[in-house]
Protein backbone atom coordinates (compact mmCIF):
# COMPACT_ATOMS: atom_id res chain seq x y z
CA UNK A 1 -0.89 7.77 -2.55
CA UNK A 2 1.31 9.06 -5.43
CA UNK A 3 2.00 11.72 -8.27
CA UNK A 4 4.30 14.58 -9.05
CA UNK A 5 3.93 18.24 -9.79
CA UNK A 6 6.11 17.57 -12.81
CA UNK A 7 3.76 14.90 -14.15
CA UNK A 8 2.24 15.99 -17.45
CA UNK A 9 -0.65 13.54 -17.37
CA UNK A 10 -3.70 14.97 -15.57
CA UNK A 11 -4.79 13.24 -12.39
CA UNK A 12 -8.03 11.31 -12.24
CA UNK A 13 -10.66 12.36 -9.68
CA UNK A 14 -9.61 9.75 -7.09
CA UNK A 15 -5.92 10.67 -7.35
CA UNK A 16 -6.65 14.39 -7.21
CA UNK A 17 -8.78 13.96 -4.07
CA UNK A 18 -6.13 11.76 -2.49
CA UNK A 19 -3.33 14.22 -3.18
CA UNK A 20 -5.29 17.23 -1.88
CA UNK A 21 -6.38 15.37 1.26
CA UNK A 22 -2.93 14.07 2.17
CA UNK A 23 -1.32 17.42 1.46
CA UNK A 24 -3.71 18.79 4.07
CA UNK A 25 -3.05 16.17 6.76
CA UNK A 26 0.64 15.40 6.10
CA UNK A 27 2.16 16.82 9.30
CA UNK A 28 -0.53 15.45 11.62
CA UNK A 29 -0.57 12.09 9.85
CA UNK A 30 3.15 11.71 10.52
CA UNK A 31 2.77 12.73 14.16
CA UNK A 32 -0.18 10.42 14.85
CA UNK A 33 1.24 7.33 13.13
CA UNK A 34 4.93 7.84 13.89
CA UNK A 35 5.13 4.94 16.39
CA UNK A 36 2.23 2.89 15.01
CA UNK A 37 4.42 -0.05 13.99
CA UNK A 38 5.75 -0.39 17.56
CA UNK A 39 2.46 -1.98 18.61
CA UNK A 40 2.08 -4.14 15.50
CA UNK A 41 4.25 -7.28 15.87
CA UNK A 42 2.47 -9.09 13.05
CA UNK A 43 3.03 -6.24 10.60
CA UNK A 44 6.66 -5.95 11.66
CA UNK A 45 7.13 -9.69 11.07
CA UNK A 46 5.69 -9.36 7.56
CA UNK A 47 8.04 -6.48 6.76
CA UNK A 48 10.99 -8.43 8.18
CA UNK A 49 10.13 -11.43 6.00
CA UNK A 50 9.78 -9.21 2.95
CA UNK A 51 13.13 -7.56 3.72
CA UNK A 52 14.85 -10.94 3.92
CA UNK A 53 13.55 -11.76 0.43
CA UNK A 54 14.60 -8.55 -1.31
CA UNK A 55 17.90 -7.48 0.29
CA UNK A 56 21.42 -8.67 -0.35
CA UNK A 57 24.38 -8.16 -2.69
CA UNK A 58 23.44 -7.52 -6.28
CA UNK A 59 19.76 -6.93 -5.55
CA UNK A 60 17.81 -4.11 -7.15
CA UNK A 61 16.29 -1.26 -5.12
CA UNK A 62 12.91 -1.50 -3.46
CA UNK A 63 10.22 1.16 -3.82
CA UNK A 64 7.79 2.04 -1.04
CA UNK A 65 4.82 3.03 -3.19
CA UNK A 66 2.54 5.51 -1.48
CA UNK A 67 5.21 6.03 1.16
CA UNK A 68 3.49 8.88 2.98
CA UNK A 69 5.89 10.40 5.55
CA UNK A 70 8.37 7.57 5.01
CA UNK A 71 7.85 5.45 8.11
CA UNK A 72 7.76 2.14 6.19
CA UNK A 73 10.63 3.27 3.95
CA UNK A 74 12.73 4.00 7.03
CA UNK A 75 11.76 0.70 8.65
CA UNK A 76 12.86 -1.23 5.57
CA UNK A 77 16.11 0.72 5.37
CA UNK A 78 16.82 -0.16 9.01
CA UNK A 79 16.37 -3.82 8.01
CA UNK A 80 19.10 -3.48 5.39
CA UNK A 81 16.91 -2.88 2.34
CA UNK A 82 17.96 -0.44 -0.37
CA UNK A 83 14.62 1.35 -0.11
CA UNK A 84 13.26 4.65 -1.35
CA UNK A 85 9.79 6.21 -1.30
CA UNK A 86 7.33 7.45 -3.90
CA UNK A 87 4.16 9.35 -3.03
CA UNK A 88 1.39 11.24 -4.76
CA UNK A 89 1.31 14.02 -2.18
CA UNK A 90 4.01 16.73 -2.34
CA UNK A 91 3.17 17.52 1.28
CA UNK A 92 3.88 13.95 2.34
CA UNK A 93 7.13 13.86 0.36
CA UNK A 94 8.26 17.08 2.06
CA UNK A 95 7.57 15.59 5.50
CA UNK A 96 9.39 12.37 4.57
CA UNK A 97 12.45 14.28 3.38
CA UNK A 98 12.57 16.25 6.64
CA UNK A 99 12.17 13.13 8.77
CA UNK A 100 14.61 10.96 6.83
CA UNK A 101 17.12 13.19 5.03
CA UNK A 102 19.39 10.19 4.45
CA UNK A 103 16.75 8.46 2.28
CA UNK A 104 15.38 9.28 -1.16
CA UNK A 105 11.75 10.33 -1.68
CA UNK A 106 10.09 11.25 -4.94
CA UNK A 107 6.69 12.36 -6.14
CA UNK A 108 4.98 9.94 -8.50
CA UNK A 109 1.84 7.99 -9.24
CA UNK A 110 1.33 4.24 -8.94
CA UNK A 111 -0.78 4.43 -12.08
CA UNK A 112 2.20 5.61 -14.18
CA UNK A 113 5.52 5.03 -12.45
CA UNK A 114 8.64 6.71 -13.80
CA UNK A 115 10.76 3.59 -13.21
CA UNK A 116 12.00 1.57 -16.18
CA UNK A 117 10.75 -1.93 -16.90
CA UNK A 118 12.25 -4.43 -14.46
CA UNK A 119 14.07 -1.75 -12.46
CA UNK A 120 12.97 -2.87 -8.98
CA UNK A 121 13.75 -5.90 -6.89
CA UNK A 122 10.69 -5.31 -4.75
CA UNK A 123 7.81 -2.99 -3.99
CA UNK A 124 5.71 -2.30 -0.92
CA UNK A 125 2.21 -0.84 -1.19
CA UNK A 126 1.27 -0.33 2.47
CA UNK A 127 -2.41 0.65 2.34
CA UNK A 128 -1.53 2.69 -0.75
CA UNK A 129 -4.46 1.39 -2.82
CA UNK A 130 -7.27 1.93 -0.30
CA UNK A 131 -8.39 5.12 -2.08
CA UNK A 132 -8.18 3.50 -5.52
CA UNK A 133 -11.57 2.47 -6.95
CA UNK A 134 -11.51 -1.33 -7.38
CA UNK A 135 -12.08 -1.06 -11.13
CA UNK A 136 -8.73 0.78 -11.37
CA UNK A 137 -6.73 -1.83 -9.47
CA UNK A 138 -5.91 -3.95 -12.56
CA UNK A 139 -4.04 -1.01 -14.07
CA UNK A 140 -2.18 -0.29 -10.83
CA UNK A 141 -1.14 -3.92 -10.37
CA UNK A 142 -0.04 -4.14 -14.01
CA UNK A 143 2.14 -1.05 -13.55
CA UNK A 144 3.78 -2.47 -10.41
CA UNK A 145 4.35 -5.73 -12.27
CA UNK A 146 6.01 -3.82 -15.11
CA UNK A 147 8.63 -2.14 -12.93
CA UNK A 148 9.55 -5.30 -10.99
CA UNK A 149 12.34 -7.55 -12.20
CA UNK A 150 11.41 -11.23 -12.75
CA UNK A 151 11.22 -12.84 -9.33
CA UNK A 152 10.71 -9.44 -7.65
CA UNK A 153 8.33 -9.32 -4.70
CA UNK A 154 5.34 -7.15 -3.87
CA UNK A 155 4.07 -6.77 -0.30
CA UNK A 156 0.56 -5.33 -0.32
CA UNK A 157 -1.41 -4.19 2.74
CA UNK A 158 -5.06 -3.34 2.12
CA UNK A 159 -8.48 -3.31 3.74
CA UNK A 160 -10.20 -6.67 3.37
CA UNK A 161 -13.95 -6.77 2.89
CA UNK A 162 -16.49 -5.46 0.44
CA UNK A 163 -17.62 -1.94 1.16
CA UNK A 164 -16.79 1.71 0.62
CA UNK A 165 -16.79 4.52 3.15
CA UNK A 166 -16.59 8.23 2.54
CA UNK A 167 -14.48 10.27 4.95
CA UNK A 168 -15.09 13.96 5.41
CA UNK A 169 -12.72 14.28 8.35
CA UNK A 170 -9.55 12.42 9.39
CA UNK A 171 -6.32 13.12 11.27
CA UNK A 172 -7.95 16.23 12.71
CA UNK A 173 -8.73 17.88 9.36
CA UNK A 174 -11.70 18.18 7.01
CA UNK A 175 -11.12 16.37 3.73
CA UNK A 176 -12.90 14.27 1.14
CA UNK A 177 -11.79 10.67 0.58
CA UNK A 178 -13.37 7.35 -0.30
CA UNK A 179 -11.91 4.25 1.38
CA UNK A 180 -12.39 0.87 -0.30
CA UNK A 181 -12.43 -2.60 1.27
CA UNK A 182 -11.76 -5.32 -1.32
CA UNK A 183 -12.35 -9.08 -0.88
CA UNK A 184 -9.12 -11.12 -0.56
CA UNK A 185 -10.16 -13.40 -3.40
CA UNK A 186 -10.60 -10.43 -5.70
CA UNK A 187 -7.21 -9.00 -4.74
CA UNK A 188 -5.49 -12.36 -5.33
CA UNK A 189 -7.28 -12.81 -8.64
CA UNK A 190 -6.31 -9.37 -9.88
CA UNK A 191 -2.69 -9.94 -8.90
CA UNK A 192 -2.69 -13.24 -10.73
CA UNK A 193 -4.21 -11.64 -13.81
CA UNK A 194 -1.41 -9.04 -13.72
CA UNK A 195 1.20 -11.82 -13.80
CA UNK A 196 1.96 -12.30 -10.10
CA UNK A 197 2.16 -15.56 -8.20
CA UNK A 198 0.59 -15.09 -4.79
CA UNK A 199 2.89 -16.68 -2.21
CA UNK A 200 1.05 -15.80 1.00
CA UNK A 201 -2.30 -14.36 2.08
CA UNK A 202 -3.09 -13.17 5.58
CA UNK A 203 -6.12 -11.54 7.19
CA UNK A 204 -5.83 -9.79 10.54
CA UNK A 205 -9.03 -9.26 12.46
CA UNK A 206 -9.44 -5.84 14.11
CA UNK A 207 -8.13 -5.48 17.65
CA UNK A 208 -8.40 -2.95 20.46
CA UNK A 209 -5.84 -0.64 18.86
CA UNK A 210 -7.78 -0.33 15.60
CA UNK A 211 -10.36 2.33 14.95
CA UNK A 212 -13.96 1.50 15.91
CA UNK A 213 -14.84 0.56 12.34
CA UNK A 214 -11.47 -0.37 10.89
CA UNK A 215 -12.56 -3.82 9.76
CA UNK A 216 -10.24 -6.60 8.61
CA UNK A 217 -6.73 -5.88 7.40
CA UNK A 218 -5.40 -7.88 4.46
CA UNK A 219 -1.80 -8.65 3.48
CA UNK A 220 -0.45 -10.32 0.34
CA UNK A 221 3.07 -11.37 -0.56
CA UNK A 222 3.34 -11.89 -4.30
CA UNK A 223 6.15 -12.59 -6.74
CA UNK A 224 6.53 -11.54 -10.36
CA UNK A 225 6.58 -14.82 -12.20
CA UNK A 226 9.74 -15.82 -14.01
CA UNK A 227 9.44 -15.90 -17.82
CA UNK A 228 7.41 -18.92 -18.84
CA UNK A 229 6.11 -19.60 -15.33
CA UNK A 230 2.41 -19.52 -14.61
CA UNK A 231 0.79 -17.30 -11.98
CA UNK A 232 -1.66 -18.48 -9.32
CA UNK A 233 -4.72 -16.27 -9.56
CA UNK A 234 -7.42 -18.05 -7.54
CA UNK A 235 -7.73 -17.36 -3.81
CA UNK A 236 -9.24 -20.79 -3.18
CA UNK A 237 -6.37 -22.51 -5.01
CA UNK A 238 -4.79 -23.02 -1.56
CA UNK A 239 -7.87 -24.80 -0.25
CA UNK A 240 -8.57 -21.86 2.06
CA UNK A 241 -12.05 -21.54 3.54
CA UNK A 242 -14.35 -18.93 2.11
CA UNK A 243 -13.60 -15.49 3.52
CA UNK A 244 -16.19 -14.00 5.88
CA UNK A 245 -15.48 -10.34 6.72
CA UNK A 246 -15.85 -9.00 10.22
CA UNK A 247 -19.03 -6.99 10.47
CA UNK A 248 -18.74 -3.36 11.52
CA UNK A 249 -20.30 -2.79 14.92
CA UNK A 250 -21.16 0.88 14.49
CA UNK A 251 -23.83 2.38 12.19
CA UNK A 252 -22.64 4.09 9.02
CA UNK A 253 -21.45 7.64 9.65
CA UNK A 254 -18.43 9.78 8.75
CA UNK A 255 -15.43 8.46 10.66
CA UNK A 256 -13.59 11.29 12.39
CA UNK A 257 -11.14 9.13 14.35
CA UNK A 258 -7.55 8.64 13.32
CA UNK A 259 -7.58 6.52 10.19
CA UNK A 260 -4.73 4.34 8.99
CA UNK A 261 -4.49 4.08 5.25
């Protein structure tokens, strides 16, 4: 999610739909997902590892891109990270500021961040790109790369697969959103093309706590290459087996259950 009412550049259709939808669901989204990380030991371990890589004396701040109501921002701050949040939805930013008045939250778009070149020591995009059409991901990854300092890390959570689903209801509200699943190899390749070195790839299969058609969840830890260093851009460069997505069990239909971005 991401963009500000002060932004002079007009939003594209996907960003406009995302902002309107998350403005609508902001309060219920926060309520429904408030304790979601409590039952996710794997996700907590990934965030803990990321925190260990980006915190410490002399490190630059870390941006939670598409922060929503600030639950990941707050989790990182509790781990000792100098974290702040950026989100497209003014409604989400308002909720985050109420929930975490001790932390900083701003409106902004991942497609055109206000941060200066090399300003950040790290960035988290926790399901923040799932409403971004895949053809727009190169621009988003290039922008994140721009604002990271050399050696800065990106932790990306996304939906792994190769499909798109339209939602007309989620979090108890009518809305209009497209959700994109992207193959891990494509994500790794796009990150490499943007100048990142992919350090770790992980796929979590859906479990009993996921929605009925949540599908596979993908996670990538990537580093902005130091000047003169090459970036690994091929998923199979690690000798990993070809990815086979979990097949959805239910027939295609609008998903009205709680959806995690």
